[in-house]
Protein backbone atom coordinates (compact mmCIF):
# COMPACT_ATOMS: atom_id res chain seq x y z
CA MET A 1 -3.64 -215.38 169.95
CA ARG A 2 -2.11 -212.33 169.26
CA ASN A 3 0.91 -214.36 167.19
CA ILE A 4 -1.76 -215.85 165.04
CA LYS A 5 -3.28 -212.75 164.20
CA THR A 6 0.19 -211.02 163.03
CA ARG A 7 0.67 -214.03 161.02
CA SER A 8 -2.60 -214.26 159.16
CA LYS A 9 -2.53 -210.49 158.63
CA THR A 10 1.44 -211.36 157.37
CA VAL A 11 0.05 -214.09 155.18
CA ALA A 12 -2.54 -211.86 153.58
CA PHE A 13 -0.38 -209.26 152.79
CA ALA A 14 1.79 -211.16 150.87
CA LEU A 15 -0.81 -213.18 149.24
CA PHE A 16 -1.89 -209.15 148.48
CA PHE A 17 1.84 -208.58 146.62
CA MET A 18 1.73 -211.76 144.83
CA VAL A 19 -1.84 -210.89 143.11
CA PHE A 20 -0.57 -207.57 142.46
CA ALA A 21 2.62 -208.78 141.20
CA GLN A 22 1.17 -210.90 138.41
CA ALA A 23 -1.50 -207.79 137.81
CA VAL A 24 0.78 -205.20 137.02
CA PRO A 25 2.86 -206.71 134.05
CA ALA A 26 -0.26 -207.73 132.78
CA ALA A 27 -1.61 -204.04 132.84
CA PHE A 28 1.89 -203.34 131.15
CA ALA A 29 0.99 -205.88 128.83
CA GLN A 30 -2.16 -204.73 127.15
CA GLY A 31 -0.89 -201.71 125.99
CA PRO A 32 -0.71 -198.17 126.48
CA SER A 33 -4.73 -198.23 127.31
CA LEU A 34 -3.99 -199.27 130.97
CA LEU A 35 -0.92 -197.33 131.67
CA PRO A 36 -0.39 -194.23 133.16
CA THR A 37 0.58 -190.94 131.28
CA THR A 38 2.94 -188.05 131.58
CA ALA A 39 2.12 -184.64 130.57
CA GLY A 40 -0.16 -186.02 127.48
CA LYS A 41 1.88 -188.94 126.34
CA ASP A 42 1.65 -192.65 127.46
CA VAL A 43 4.45 -193.98 128.91
CA ALA A 44 4.70 -196.36 126.24
CA ASP A 45 5.37 -193.83 123.77
CA ALA A 46 7.96 -192.11 125.83
CA VAL A 47 9.79 -195.76 126.01
CA GLN A 48 9.88 -196.02 122.70
CA GLU A 49 11.14 -192.37 122.05
CA LYS A 50 14.04 -192.85 124.65
CA THR A 51 15.21 -196.63 123.39
CA GLY A 52 14.70 -195.26 119.62
CA ALA A 53 11.86 -198.05 118.79
CA ASN A 54 10.15 -195.61 117.35
CA LYS A 55 12.43 -195.27 114.21
CA PRO A 56 11.11 -195.50 110.95
CA ALA A 57 10.96 -199.13 109.83
CA VAL A 58 11.65 -200.66 106.15
CA ALA A 59 8.91 -201.34 104.26
CA GLU A 60 9.18 -204.95 104.35
CA LYS A 61 7.19 -205.16 100.80
CA GLN A 62 9.84 -202.85 99.42
CA LEU A 63 12.82 -205.33 100.23
CA PRO A 64 13.60 -208.26 98.11
CA PRO A 65 11.61 -211.69 99.42
CA CYS A 66 15.74 -212.65 100.87
CA LEU A 67 16.03 -209.33 102.40
CA ALA A 68 12.45 -209.78 104.24
CA GLU A 69 13.04 -212.45 105.70
CA ILE A 70 16.09 -211.82 107.44
CA TYR A 71 14.38 -208.34 108.17
CA LYS A 72 12.31 -210.61 110.65
CA ALA A 73 14.49 -213.32 111.34
CA GLN A 74 13.67 -214.51 114.91
CA GLY A 75 17.43 -216.35 115.09
CA ILE A 76 20.57 -217.27 113.97
CA GLU A 77 21.65 -220.82 111.81
CA ASP A 78 25.25 -221.08 111.86
CA GLY A 79 26.25 -220.92 107.93
CA ALA A 80 27.61 -224.47 108.41
CA LEU A 81 24.19 -225.91 108.47
CA LYS A 82 23.09 -227.45 105.20
CA SER A 83 19.24 -227.35 106.08
CA GLY A 84 18.90 -223.92 107.46
CA LYS A 85 15.89 -222.71 107.20
CA MET A 86 17.16 -219.20 106.03
CA ARG A 87 20.31 -220.53 104.32
CA ASP A 88 18.90 -219.78 100.48
CA SER A 89 17.81 -216.28 101.69
CA LEU A 90 21.47 -215.64 103.07
CA ILE A 91 23.14 -217.07 99.86
CA GLU A 92 20.81 -214.83 97.39
CA ALA A 93 21.71 -211.69 100.02
CA GLN A 94 25.43 -212.01 99.35
CA LYS A 95 24.55 -212.31 95.87
CA LEU A 96 23.25 -208.65 95.67
CA GLY A 97 25.80 -207.33 97.17
CA ALA A 98 26.25 -203.36 96.69
CA GLY A 99 23.12 -203.30 95.41
CA ALA A 100 21.31 -203.94 98.58
CA ARG A 101 23.74 -201.90 100.59
CA ALA A 102 21.01 -198.99 101.37
CA ASN A 103 18.73 -201.67 102.39
CA LEU A 104 21.11 -203.62 104.79
CA ILE A 105 21.93 -200.11 106.31
CA ASP A 106 18.44 -199.43 107.11
CA MET A 107 17.76 -203.25 108.27
CA ALA A 108 21.08 -202.94 110.46
CA GLN A 109 19.13 -200.32 112.42
CA THR A 110 15.59 -201.50 112.22
CA ALA A 111 15.11 -204.88 112.23
CA SER A 112 14.71 -207.24 114.89
CA PRO A 113 17.63 -208.43 116.72
CA ALA A 114 18.67 -210.99 114.60
CA GLY A 115 18.03 -209.33 111.36
CA ARG A 116 20.19 -206.50 112.42
CA LEU A 117 23.24 -209.23 113.69
CA ILE A 118 22.75 -210.61 109.90
CA SER A 119 22.46 -207.75 108.50
CA VAL A 120 25.83 -206.29 109.69
CA ALA A 121 27.57 -209.49 108.99
CA LEU A 122 26.52 -209.02 105.41
CA LEU A 123 27.51 -205.26 105.43
CA LYS A 124 31.26 -206.67 106.72
CA LYS A 125 31.55 -208.22 103.54
CA LEU A 126 31.20 -204.48 101.55
CA ASP A 127 31.91 -201.95 103.75
CA PRO A 128 33.85 -203.20 107.12
CA PRO A 129 34.24 -199.45 108.57
CA LEU A 130 30.61 -198.72 108.29
CA ALA A 131 29.81 -202.06 109.46
CA GLN A 132 32.01 -202.05 112.33
CA LYS A 133 30.03 -198.32 113.47
CA LEU A 134 26.66 -200.40 113.03
CA ALA A 135 27.64 -202.82 115.28
CA GLU A 136 28.98 -200.31 118.01
CA THR A 137 25.50 -199.11 117.62
CA LEU A 138 23.64 -202.22 118.02
CA LYS A 139 26.05 -203.08 120.94
CA GLN A 140 24.61 -200.48 122.76
CA GLU A 141 20.88 -200.20 121.79
CA ALA A 142 20.40 -203.76 122.21
CA GLY A 143 23.47 -205.63 123.46
CA ASP A 144 21.85 -207.37 126.15
CA GLN A 145 19.09 -208.93 124.31
CA SER A 146 19.20 -212.66 123.86
CA VAL A 147 19.14 -214.33 119.98
CA SER A 148 18.85 -217.62 119.61
CA TYR A 149 21.45 -219.72 117.66
CA ILE A 150 21.67 -223.11 115.95
CA SER A 151 24.85 -224.85 115.25
CA PRO A 152 25.35 -228.36 113.78
CA THR A 153 26.43 -229.14 117.46
CA GLU A 154 24.50 -226.79 119.90
CA ARG A 155 21.04 -224.87 120.04
CA CYS A 156 21.35 -221.86 122.57
CA HIS A 157 20.73 -218.60 122.95
CA TYR A 158 23.87 -215.48 123.30
CA SER A 159 23.48 -211.90 124.21
CA VAL A 160 23.78 -209.88 120.92
CA SER A 161 26.84 -208.10 122.68
CA ASP A 162 28.58 -211.76 122.54
CA ILE A 163 27.85 -212.11 118.99
CA LEU A 164 29.01 -209.14 117.53
CA ASN A 165 32.47 -209.57 119.52
CA ASP A 166 32.56 -212.93 118.20
CA LEU A 167 32.01 -211.44 114.71
CA SER A 168 34.56 -208.78 115.05
CA SER A 169 37.19 -211.11 115.95
CA THR A 170 39.90 -212.32 113.62
CA ARG A 171 38.57 -216.44 114.04
CA PRO A 172 34.68 -216.03 114.82
CA VAL A 173 33.56 -218.97 116.20
CA ILE A 174 29.85 -218.08 115.09
CA LYS A 175 29.51 -218.20 111.34
CA ILE A 176 26.62 -215.93 110.49
CA LEU A 177 26.71 -216.32 106.54
CA PRO A 178 26.92 -219.57 104.53
CA PRO A 179 29.90 -220.06 101.75
CA VAL A 180 28.34 -218.67 98.39
CA ALA A 181 29.80 -221.02 95.27
CA PRO A 182 32.04 -218.78 93.21
CA LYS A 183 30.03 -217.94 89.88
């Protein structure tokens, strides 16, 4: 009889933690209002400060339409895709050239992870040493984040670090930018 009581307590204890494990992430997902505070600051604010997530963002309305699309990119399409959703924007962004340099630098620091990778790839054509510095910063800040990658033969996810390593190689496998026809 004693063994049955112990088992029922163990099952009840396990059920409690299963419910608790589901409730805690839900509380964090609802935002800072449910999070505990530390010294008058929300935990979410402290995390944003530490990770740099509260950097001033480039206002999308200030960007040309092609750069605004890159800024909020959710994935990377291989430059070899003729029917990629972002192909026209990527070609247009390459044609902007040095005029877009300041926007690309800001985007490389504040855009979505995919947008940051594309910005670094565009900057690599304009200013390779600067692009390398921004790539190192991006690798430190978001290196373990996953980015969707679509090529003519595959659809998968790569880490930001993996894509940056490939981008810096002499023969990159991932072609982020489509070729631009000469003027």
